[in-house]
Amino acid sequence: VFAGLKLYDLLAGKKSLGSSRLIGR
């Protein structure tokens, strides 16, 4: 899931709304 959402960020390029990140419980 993390890799998929990082690819989602990458495809947004300069129009990214923020970087995906892992968060703890």
mmCIF file of all heavy atoms, coordinates in Angstrom:
data_MODEL
# 
_entry.id   MODEL 
# 
loop_
_atom_site.group_PDB 
_atom_site.id 
_atom_site.type_symbol 
_atom_site.label_atom_id 
_atom_site.label_alt_id 
_atom_site.label_comp_id 
_atom_site.label_asym_id 
_atom_site.label_entity_id 
_atom_site.label_seq_id 
_atom_site.pdbx_PDB_ins_code 
_atom_site.Cartn_x 
_atom_site.Cartn_y 
_atom_site.Cartn_z 
_atom_site.occupancy 
_atom_site.B_iso_or_equiv 
_atom_site.pdbx_formal_charge 
_atom_site.auth_seq_id 
_atom_site.auth_comp_id 
_atom_site.auth_asym_id 
_atom_site.auth_atom_id 
_atom_site.pdbx_PDB_model_num 
ATOM 1   N N   . VAL A 1 1  ? 0.836  -1.202 0.000   1.00 0.00 ? 1  VAL A N   1 
ATOM 2   C CA  . VAL A 1 1  ? 0.000  0.000  0.000   1.00 0.00 ? 1  VAL A CA  1 
ATOM 3   C C   . VAL A 1 1  ? 0.870  1.251  0.000   1.00 0.00 ? 1  VAL A C   1 
ATOM 4   O O   . VAL A 1 1  ? 0.604  2.223  -0.724  1.00 0.00 ? 1  VAL A O   1 
ATOM 5   C CB  . VAL A 1 1  ? -0.951 -0.008 1.217   1.00 0.00 ? 1  VAL A CB  1 
ATOM 6   C CG1 . VAL A 1 1  ? -1.711 1.309  1.315   1.00 0.00 ? 1  VAL A CG1 1 
ATOM 7   C CG2 . VAL A 1 1  ? -1.921 -1.176 1.115   1.00 0.00 ? 1  VAL A CG2 1 
ATOM 8   N N   . PHE A 1 2  ? 1.940  1.247  0.799   1.00 0.00 ? 2  PHE A N   1 
ATOM 9   C CA  . PHE A 1 2  ? 2.813  2.421  0.866   1.00 0.00 ? 2  PHE A CA  1 
ATOM 10  C C   . PHE A 1 2  ? 3.455  2.696  -0.498  1.00 0.00 ? 2  PHE A C   1 
ATOM 11  O O   . PHE A 1 2  ? 3.493  3.842  -0.957  1.00 0.00 ? 2  PHE A O   1 
ATOM 12  C CB  . PHE A 1 2  ? 3.896  2.210  1.924   1.00 0.00 ? 2  PHE A CB  1 
ATOM 13  C CG  . PHE A 1 2  ? 4.835  3.381  2.068   1.00 0.00 ? 2  PHE A CG  1 
ATOM 14  C CD1 . PHE A 1 2  ? 4.362  4.635  2.414   1.00 0.00 ? 2  PHE A CD1 1 
ATOM 15  C CD2 . PHE A 1 2  ? 6.200  3.223  1.849   1.00 0.00 ? 2  PHE A CD2 1 
ATOM 16  C CE1 . PHE A 1 2  ? 5.223  5.707  2.551   1.00 0.00 ? 2  PHE A CE1 1 
ATOM 17  C CE2 . PHE A 1 2  ? 7.070  4.292  1.981   1.00 0.00 ? 2  PHE A CE2 1 
ATOM 18  C CZ  . PHE A 1 2  ? 6.577  5.540  2.334   1.00 0.00 ? 2  PHE A CZ  1 
ATOM 19  N N   . ALA A 1 3  ? 3.939  1.659  -1.159  1.00 0.00 ? 3  ALA A N   1 
ATOM 20  C CA  . ALA A 1 3  ? 4.563  1.844  -2.471  1.00 0.00 ? 3  ALA A CA  1 
ATOM 21  C C   . ALA A 1 3  ? 3.553  2.377  -3.486  1.00 0.00 ? 3  ALA A C   1 
ATOM 22  O O   . ALA A 1 3  ? 3.868  3.258  -4.301  1.00 0.00 ? 3  ALA A O   1 
ATOM 23  C CB  . ALA A 1 3  ? 5.157  0.524  -2.957  1.00 0.00 ? 3  ALA A CB  1 
ATOM 24  N N   . GLY A 1 4  ? 2.319  1.868  -3.431  1.00 0.00 ? 4  GLY A N   1 
ATOM 25  C CA  . GLY A 1 4  ? 1.295  2.336  -4.355  1.00 0.00 ? 4  GLY A CA  1 
ATOM 26  C C   . GLY A 1 4  ? 0.967  3.802  -4.172  1.00 0.00 ? 4  GLY A C   1 
ATOM 27  O O   . GLY A 1 4  ? 0.815  4.555  -5.143  1.00 0.00 ? 4  GLY A O   1 
ATOM 28  N N   . LEU A 1 5  ? 0.881  4.243  -2.911  1.00 0.00 ? 5  LEU A N   1 
ATOM 29  C CA  . LEU A 1 5  ? 0.545  5.642  -2.650  1.00 0.00 ? 5  LEU A CA  1 
ATOM 30  C C   . LEU A 1 5  ? 1.729  6.568  -2.920  1.00 0.00 ? 5  LEU A C   1 
ATOM 31  O O   . LEU A 1 5  ? 1.534  7.737  -3.272  1.00 0.00 ? 5  LEU A O   1 
ATOM 32  C CB  . LEU A 1 5  ? 0.028  5.791  -1.223  1.00 0.00 ? 5  LEU A CB  1 
ATOM 33  C CG  . LEU A 1 5  ? -1.366 5.153  -1.026  1.00 0.00 ? 5  LEU A CG  1 
ATOM 34  C CD1 . LEU A 1 5  ? -1.755 5.129  0.442   1.00 0.00 ? 5  LEU A CD1 1 
ATOM 35  C CD2 . LEU A 1 5  ? -2.430 5.893  -1.836  1.00 0.00 ? 5  LEU A CD2 1 
ATOM 36  N N   . LYS A 1 6  ? 2.947  6.091  -2.780  1.00 0.00 ? 6  LYS A N   1 
ATOM 37  C CA  . LYS A 1 6  ? 4.104  6.900  -3.167  1.00 0.00 ? 6  LYS A CA  1 
ATOM 38  C C   . LYS A 1 6  ? 4.131  7.084  -4.686  1.00 0.00 ? 6  LYS A C   1 
ATOM 39  O O   . LYS A 1 6  ? 4.480  8.163  -5.184  1.00 0.00 ? 6  LYS A O   1 
ATOM 40  C CB  . LYS A 1 6  ? 5.408  6.250  -2.693  1.00 0.00 ? 6  LYS A CB  1 
ATOM 41  C CG  . LYS A 1 6  ? 5.613  6.261  -1.195  1.00 0.00 ? 6  LYS A CG  1 
ATOM 42  C CD  . LYS A 1 6  ? 5.564  7.672  -0.591  1.00 0.00 ? 6  LYS A CD  1 
ATOM 43  C CE  . LYS A 1 6  ? 6.773  8.512  -0.918  1.00 0.00 ? 6  LYS A CE  1 
ATOM 44  N NZ  . LYS A 1 6  ? 6.745  9.821  -0.202  1.00 0.00 ? 6  LYS A NZ  1 
ATOM 45  N N   . LEU A 1 7  ? 3.744  6.042  -5.429  1.00 0.00 ? 7  LEU A N   1 
ATOM 46  C CA  . LEU A 1 7  ? 3.627  6.187  -6.885  1.00 0.00 ? 7  LEU A CA  1 
ATOM 47  C C   . LEU A 1 7  ? 2.536  7.194  -7.228  1.00 0.00 ? 7  LEU A C   1 
ATOM 48  O O   . LEU A 1 7  ? 2.685  7.987  -8.169  1.00 0.00 ? 7  LEU A O   1 
ATOM 49  C CB  . LEU A 1 7  ? 3.323  4.826  -7.514  1.00 0.00 ? 7  LEU A CB  1 
ATOM 50  C CG  . LEU A 1 7  ? 3.104  4.808  -9.038  1.00 0.00 ? 7  LEU A CG  1 
ATOM 51  C CD1 . LEU A 1 7  ? 4.327  5.335  -9.778  1.00 0.00 ? 7  LEU A CD1 1 
ATOM 52  C CD2 . LEU A 1 7  ? 2.780  3.378  -9.510  1.00 0.00 ? 7  LEU A CD2 1 
ATOM 53  N N   . TYR A 1 8  ? 1.461  7.183  -6.470  1.00 0.00 ? 8  TYR A N   1 
ATOM 54  C CA  . TYR A 1 8  ? 0.372  8.163  -6.635  1.00 0.00 ? 8  TYR A CA  1 
ATOM 55  C C   . TYR A 1 8  ? 0.924  9.582  -6.485  1.00 0.00 ? 8  TYR A C   1 
ATOM 56  O O   . TYR A 1 8  ? 0.615  10.470 -7.292  1.00 0.00 ? 8  TYR A O   1 
ATOM 57  C CB  . TYR A 1 8  ? -0.688 7.865  -5.577  1.00 0.00 ? 8  TYR A CB  1 
ATOM 58  C CG  . TYR A 1 8  ? -2.045 8.495  -5.768  1.00 0.00 ? 8  TYR A CG  1 
ATOM 59  C CD1 . TYR A 1 8  ? -2.842 8.187  -6.863  1.00 0.00 ? 8  TYR A CD1 1 
ATOM 60  C CD2 . TYR A 1 8  ? -2.571 9.361  -4.803  1.00 0.00 ? 8  TYR A CD2 1 
ATOM 61  C CE1 . TYR A 1 8  ? -4.111 8.736  -7.003  1.00 0.00 ? 8  TYR A CE1 1 
ATOM 62  C CE2 . TYR A 1 8  ? -3.831 9.906  -4.937  1.00 0.00 ? 8  TYR A CE2 1 
ATOM 63  C CZ  . TYR A 1 8  ? -4.603 9.590  -6.041  1.00 0.00 ? 8  TYR A CZ  1 
ATOM 64  O OH  . TYR A 1 8  ? -5.853 10.128 -6.176  1.00 0.00 ? 8  TYR A OH  1 
ATOM 65  N N   . ASP A 1 9  ? 1.765  9.798  -5.465  1.00 0.00 ? 9  ASP A N   1 
ATOM 66  C CA  . ASP A 1 9  ? 2.416  11.098 -5.273  1.00 0.00 ? 9  ASP A CA  1 
ATOM 67  C C   . ASP A 1 9  ? 3.271  11.458 -6.480  1.00 0.00 ? 9  ASP A C   1 
ATOM 68  O O   . ASP A 1 9  ? 3.252  12.592 -6.975  1.00 0.00 ? 9  ASP A O   1 
ATOM 69  C CB  . ASP A 1 9  ? 3.322  11.079 -4.040  1.00 0.00 ? 9  ASP A CB  1 
ATOM 70  C CG  . ASP A 1 9  ? 2.557  10.950 -2.740  1.00 0.00 ? 9  ASP A CG  1 
ATOM 71  O OD1 . ASP A 1 9  ? 1.328  11.164 -2.743  1.00 0.00 ? 9  ASP A OD1 1 
ATOM 72  O OD2 . ASP A 1 9  ? 3.187  10.619 -1.724  1.00 0.00 ? 9  ASP A OD2 1 
ATOM 73  N N   . LEU A 1 10 ? 4.058  10.497 -6.928  1.00 0.00 ? 10 LEU A N   1 
ATOM 74  C CA  . LEU A 1 10 ? 4.996  10.733 -8.013  1.00 0.00 ? 10 LEU A CA  1 
ATOM 75  C C   . LEU A 1 10 ? 4.280  11.163 -9.285  1.00 0.00 ? 10 LEU A C   1 
ATOM 76  O O   . LEU A 1 10 ? 4.719  12.081 -9.992  1.00 0.00 ? 10 LEU A O   1 
ATOM 77  C CB  . LEU A 1 10 ? 5.815  9.459  -8.267  1.00 0.00 ? 10 LEU A CB  1 
ATOM 78  C CG  . LEU A 1 10 ? 6.916  9.542  -9.326  1.00 0.00 ? 10 LEU A CG  1 
ATOM 79  C CD1 . LEU A 1 10 ? 8.003  10.517 -8.891  1.00 0.00 ? 10 LEU A CD1 1 
ATOM 80  C CD2 . LEU A 1 10 ? 7.516  8.160  -9.569  1.00 0.00 ? 10 LEU A CD2 1 
ATOM 81  N N   . LEU A 1 11 ? 3.162  10.536 -9.572  1.00 0.00 ? 11 LEU A N   1 
ATOM 82  C CA  . LEU A 1 11 ? 2.414  10.869 -10.784 1.00 0.00 ? 11 LEU A CA  1 
ATOM 83  C C   . LEU A 1 11 ? 1.809  12.281 -10.711 1.00 0.00 ? 11 LEU A C   1 
ATOM 84  O O   . LEU A 1 11 ? 1.569  12.899 -11.741 1.00 0.00 ? 11 LEU A O   1 
ATOM 85  C CB  . LEU A 1 11 ? 1.302  9.843  -11.018 1.00 0.00 ? 11 LEU A CB  1 
ATOM 86  C CG  . LEU A 1 11 ? 1.754  8.430  -11.396 1.00 0.00 ? 11 LEU A CG  1 
ATOM 87  C CD1 . LEU A 1 11 ? 0.549  7.514  -11.558 1.00 0.00 ? 11 LEU A CD1 1 
ATOM 88  C CD2 . LEU A 1 11 ? 2.577  8.455  -12.671 1.00 0.00 ? 11 LEU A CD2 1 
ATOM 89  N N   . ALA A 1 12 ? 1.570  12.777 -9.499  1.00 0.00 ? 12 ALA A N   1 
ATOM 90  C CA  . ALA A 1 12 ? 1.009  14.126 -9.353  1.00 0.00 ? 12 ALA A CA  1 
ATOM 91  C C   . ALA A 1 12 ? 2.037  15.193 -9.688  1.00 0.00 ? 12 ALA A C   1 
ATOM 92  O O   . ALA A 1 12 ? 1.671  16.324 -10.047 1.00 0.00 ? 12 ALA A O   1 
ATOM 93  C CB  . ALA A 1 12 ? 0.486  14.321 -7.934  1.00 0.00 ? 12 ALA A CB  1 
ATOM 94  N N   . GLY A 1 13 ? 3.337  14.865 -9.567  1.00 0.00 ? 13 GLY A N   1 
ATOM 95  C CA  . GLY A 1 13 ? 4.385  15.825 -9.903  1.00 0.00 ? 13 GLY A CA  1 
ATOM 96  C C   . GLY A 1 13 ? 4.284  17.106 -9.101  1.00 0.00 ? 13 GLY A C   1 
ATOM 97  O O   . GLY A 1 13 ? 4.099  17.087 -7.880  1.00 0.00 ? 13 GLY A O   1 
ATOM 98  N N   . LYS A 1 14 ? 4.358  18.246 -9.806  1.00 0.00 ? 14 LYS A N   1 
ATOM 99  C CA  . LYS A 1 14 ? 4.331  19.550 -9.135  1.00 0.00 ? 14 LYS A CA  1 
ATOM 100 C C   . LYS A 1 14 ? 2.960  19.856 -8.521  1.00 0.00 ? 14 LYS A C   1 
ATOM 101 O O   . LYS A 1 14 ? 2.853  20.761 -7.698  1.00 0.00 ? 14 LYS A O   1 
ATOM 102 C CB  . LYS A 1 14 ? 4.705  20.645 -10.120 1.00 0.00 ? 14 LYS A CB  1 
ATOM 103 C CG  . LYS A 1 14 ? 6.160  20.573 -10.600 1.00 0.00 ? 14 LYS A CG  1 
ATOM 104 C CD  . LYS A 1 14 ? 6.483  21.710 -11.561 1.00 0.00 ? 14 LYS A CD  1 
ATOM 105 C CE  . LYS A 1 14 ? 7.935  21.636 -12.019 1.00 0.00 ? 14 LYS A CE  1 
ATOM 106 N NZ  . LYS A 1 14 ? 8.271  22.728 -12.980 1.00 0.00 ? 14 LYS A NZ  1 
ATOM 107 N N   . LYS A 1 15 ? 1.951  19.124 -8.928  1.00 0.00 ? 15 LYS A N   1 
ATOM 108 C CA  . LYS A 1 15 ? 0.615  19.361 -8.378  1.00 0.00 ? 15 LYS A CA  1 
ATOM 109 C C   . LYS A 1 15 ? 0.298  18.423 -7.209  1.00 0.00 ? 15 LYS A C   1 
ATOM 110 O O   . LYS A 1 15 ? -0.858 18.250 -6.836  1.00 0.00 ? 15 LYS A O   1 
ATOM 111 C CB  . LYS A 1 15 ? -0.443 19.237 -9.478  1.00 0.00 ? 15 LYS A CB  1 
ATOM 112 C CG  . LYS A 1 15 ? -0.438 20.456 -10.415 1.00 0.00 ? 15 LYS A CG  1 
ATOM 113 C CD  . LYS A 1 15 ? -1.606 20.451 -11.343 1.00 0.00 ? 15 LYS A CD  1 
ATOM 114 C CE  . LYS A 1 15 ? -1.867 21.812 -11.961 1.00 0.00 ? 15 LYS A CE  1 
ATOM 115 N NZ  . LYS A 1 15 ? -0.716 22.588 -12.343 1.00 0.00 ? 15 LYS A NZ  1 
ATOM 116 N N   . SER A 1 16 ? 1.333  17.835 -6.616  1.00 0.00 ? 16 SER A N   1 
ATOM 117 C CA  . SER A 1 16 ? 1.149  17.001 -5.431  1.00 0.00 ? 16 SER A CA  1 
ATOM 118 C C   . SER A 1 16 ? 0.576  17.826 -4.291  1.00 0.00 ? 16 SER A C   1 
ATOM 119 O O   . SER A 1 16 ? 0.930  18.997 -4.102  1.00 0.00 ? 16 SER A O   1 
ATOM 120 C CB  . SER A 1 16 ? 2.483  16.388 -5.013  1.00 0.00 ? 16 SER A CB  1 
ATOM 121 O OG  . SER A 1 16 ? 2.358  15.721 -3.771  1.00 0.00 ? 16 SER A OG  1 
ATOM 122 N N   . LEU A 1 17 ? -0.320 17.240 -3.525  1.00 0.00 ? 17 LEU A N   1 
ATOM 123 C CA  . LEU A 1 17 ? -0.926 17.928 -2.381  1.00 0.00 ? 17 LEU A CA  1 
ATOM 124 C C   . LEU A 1 17 ? -0.201 17.629 -1.074  1.00 0.00 ? 17 LEU A C   1 
ATOM 125 O O   . LEU A 1 17 ? -0.580 18.130 -0.025  1.00 0.00 ? 17 LEU A O   1 
ATOM 126 C CB  . LEU A 1 17 ? -2.398 17.525 -2.253  1.00 0.00 ? 17 LEU A CB  1 
ATOM 127 C CG  . LEU A 1 17 ? -3.292 17.848 -3.450  1.00 0.00 ? 17 LEU A CG  1 
ATOM 128 C CD1 . LEU A 1 17 ? -4.725 17.428 -3.178  1.00 0.00 ? 17 LEU A CD1 1 
ATOM 129 C CD2 . LEU A 1 17 ? -3.235 19.326 -3.797  1.00 0.00 ? 17 LEU A CD2 1 
ATOM 130 N N   . GLY A 1 18 ? 0.831  16.814 -1.131  1.00 0.00 ? 18 GLY A N   1 
ATOM 131 C CA  . GLY A 1 18 ? 1.568  16.442 0.075   1.00 0.00 ? 18 GLY A CA  1 
ATOM 132 C C   . GLY A 1 18 ? 2.133  15.056 -0.081  1.00 0.00 ? 18 GLY A C   1 
ATOM 133 O O   . GLY A 1 18 ? 1.625  14.242 -0.852  1.00 0.00 ? 18 GLY A O   1 
ATOM 134 N N   . SER A 1 19 ? 3.183  14.776 0.645   1.00 0.00 ? 19 SER A N   1 
ATOM 135 C CA  . SER A 1 19 ? 3.875  13.501 0.508   1.00 0.00 ? 19 SER A CA  1 
ATOM 136 C C   . SER A 1 19 ? 3.238  12.431 1.390   1.00 0.00 ? 19 SER A C   1 
ATOM 137 O O   . SER A 1 19 ? 2.999  12.643 2.585   1.00 0.00 ? 19 SER A O   1 
ATOM 138 C CB  . SER A 1 19 ? 5.349  13.678 0.889   1.00 0.00 ? 19 SER A CB  1 
ATOM 139 O OG  . SER A 1 19 ? 6.047  12.461 0.760   1.00 0.00 ? 19 SER A OG  1 
ATOM 140 N N   . SER A 1 20 ? 2.963  11.270 0.807   1.00 0.00 ? 20 SER A N   1 
ATOM 141 C CA  . SER A 1 20 ? 2.450  10.136 1.588   1.00 0.00 ? 20 SER A CA  1 
ATOM 142 C C   . SER A 1 20 ? 3.523  9.664  2.559   1.00 0.00 ? 20 SER A C   1 
ATOM 143 O O   . SER A 1 20 ? 4.724  9.734  2.269   1.00 0.00 ? 20 SER A O   1 
ATOM 144 C CB  . SER A 1 20 ? 2.074  8.978  0.658   1.00 0.00 ? 20 SER A CB  1 
ATOM 145 O OG  . SER A 1 20 ? 1.091  9.363  -0.262  1.00 0.00 ? 20 SER A OG  1 
ATOM 146 N N   . ARG A 1 21 ? 3.092  9.166  3.707   1.00 0.00 ? 21 ARG A N   1 
ATOM 147 C CA  . ARG A 1 21 ? 4.060  8.644  4.670   1.00 0.00 ? 21 ARG A CA  1 
ATOM 148 C C   . ARG A 1 21 ? 3.395  7.584  5.537   1.00 0.00 ? 21 ARG A C   1 
ATOM 149 O O   . ARG A 1 21 ? 2.175  7.577  5.728   1.00 0.00 ? 21 ARG A O   1 
ATOM 150 C CB  . ARG A 1 21 ? 4.642  9.754  5.534   1.00 0.00 ? 21 ARG A CB  1 
ATOM 151 C CG  . ARG A 1 21 ? 3.645  10.479 6.419   1.00 0.00 ? 21 ARG A CG  1 
ATOM 152 C CD  . ARG A 1 21 ? 4.325  11.618 7.179   1.00 0.00 ? 21 ARG A CD  1 
ATOM 153 N NE  . ARG A 1 21 ? 3.380  12.392 7.967   1.00 0.00 ? 21 ARG A NE  1 
ATOM 154 C CZ  . ARG A 1 21 ? 3.053  12.104 9.235   1.00 0.00 ? 21 ARG A CZ  1 
ATOM 155 N NH1 . ARG A 1 21 ? 3.605  11.050 9.842   1.00 0.00 ? 21 ARG A NH1 1 
ATOM 156 N NH2 . ARG A 1 21 ? 2.197  12.859 9.899   1.00 0.00 ? 21 ARG A NH2 1 
ATOM 157 N N   . LEU A 1 22 ? 4.232  6.690  6.034   1.00 0.00 ? 22 LEU A N   1 
ATOM 158 C CA  . LEU A 1 22 ? 3.766  5.699  6.993   1.00 0.00 ? 22 LEU A CA  1 
ATOM 159 C C   . LEU A 1 22 ? 3.526  6.365  8.331   1.00 0.00 ? 22 LEU A C   1 
ATOM 160 O O   . LEU A 1 22 ? 4.292  7.242  8.746   1.00 0.00 ? 22 LEU A O   1 
ATOM 161 C CB  . LEU A 1 22 ? 4.818  4.594  7.161   1.00 0.00 ? 22 LEU A CB  1 
ATOM 162 C CG  . LEU A 1 22 ? 4.899  3.535  6.051   1.00 0.00 ? 22 LEU A CG  1 
ATOM 163 C CD1 . LEU A 1 22 ? 6.139  2.664  6.259   1.00 0.00 ? 22 LEU A CD1 1 
ATOM 164 C CD2 . LEU A 1 22 ? 3.646  2.668  6.048   1.00 0.00 ? 22 LEU A CD2 1 
ATOM 165 N N   . ILE A 1 23 ? 2.454  5.986  8.994   1.00 0.00 ? 23 ILE A N   1 
ATOM 166 C CA  . ILE A 1 23 ? 2.205  6.488  10.341  1.00 0.00 ? 23 ILE A CA  1 
ATOM 167 C C   . ILE A 1 23 ? 1.993  5.289  11.263  1.00 0.00 ? 23 ILE A C   1 
ATOM 168 O O   . ILE A 1 23 ? 1.536  4.228  10.840  1.00 0.00 ? 23 ILE A O   1 
ATOM 169 C CB  . ILE A 1 23 ? 0.987  7.432  10.403  1.00 0.00 ? 23 ILE A CB  1 
ATOM 170 C CG1 . ILE A 1 23 ? -0.284 6.722  9.948   1.00 0.00 ? 23 ILE A CG1 1 
ATOM 171 C CG2 . ILE A 1 23 ? 1.233  8.686  9.575   1.00 0.00 ? 23 ILE A CG2 1 
ATOM 172 C CD1 . ILE A 1 23 ? -1.536 7.571  10.119  1.00 0.00 ? 23 ILE A CD1 1 
ATOM 173 N N   . GLY A 1 24 ? 2.354  5.475  12.492  1.00 0.00 ? 24 GLY A N   1 
ATOM 174 C CA  . GLY A 1 24 ? 2.207  4.402  13.465  1.00 0.00 ? 24 GLY A CA  1 
ATOM 175 C C   . GLY A 1 24 ? 0.777  4.229  13.928  1.00 0.00 ? 24 GLY A C   1 
ATOM 176 O O   . GLY A 1 24 ? -0.109 5.032  13.632  1.00 0.00 ? 24 GLY A O   1 
ATOM 177 N N   . ARG A 1 25 ? 0.588  3.201  14.684  1.00 0.00 ? 25 ARG A N   1 
ATOM 178 C CA  . ARG A 1 25 ? -0.731 2.871  15.212  1.00 0.00 ? 25 ARG A CA  1 
ATOM 179 C C   . ARG A 1 25 ? -1.304 4.019  16.030  1.00 0.00 ? 25 ARG A C   1 
ATOM 180 O O   . ARG A 1 25 ? -2.480 4.362  15.912  1.00 0.00 ? 25 ARG A O   1 
ATOM 181 C CB  . ARG A 1 25 ? -0.604 1.601  16.052  1.00 0.00 ? 25 ARG A CB  1 
ATOM 182 C CG  . ARG A 1 25 ? -1.861 1.082  16.691  1.00 0.00 ? 25 ARG A CG  1 
ATOM 183 C CD  . ARG A 1 25 ? -1.543 -0.228 17.421  1.00 0.00 ? 25 ARG A CD  1 
ATOM 184 N NE  . ARG A 1 25 ? -2.729 -0.829 17.979  1.00 0.00 ? 25 ARG A NE  1 
ATOM 185 C CZ  . ARG A 1 25 ? -3.229 -0.517 19.179  1.00 0.00 ? 25 ARG A CZ  1 
ATOM 186 N NH1 . ARG A 1 25 ? -2.627 0.400  19.921  1.00 0.00 ? 25 ARG A NH1 1 
ATOM 187 N NH2 . ARG A 1 25 ? -4.317 -1.125 19.619  1.00 0.00 ? 25 ARG A NH2 1 
# 
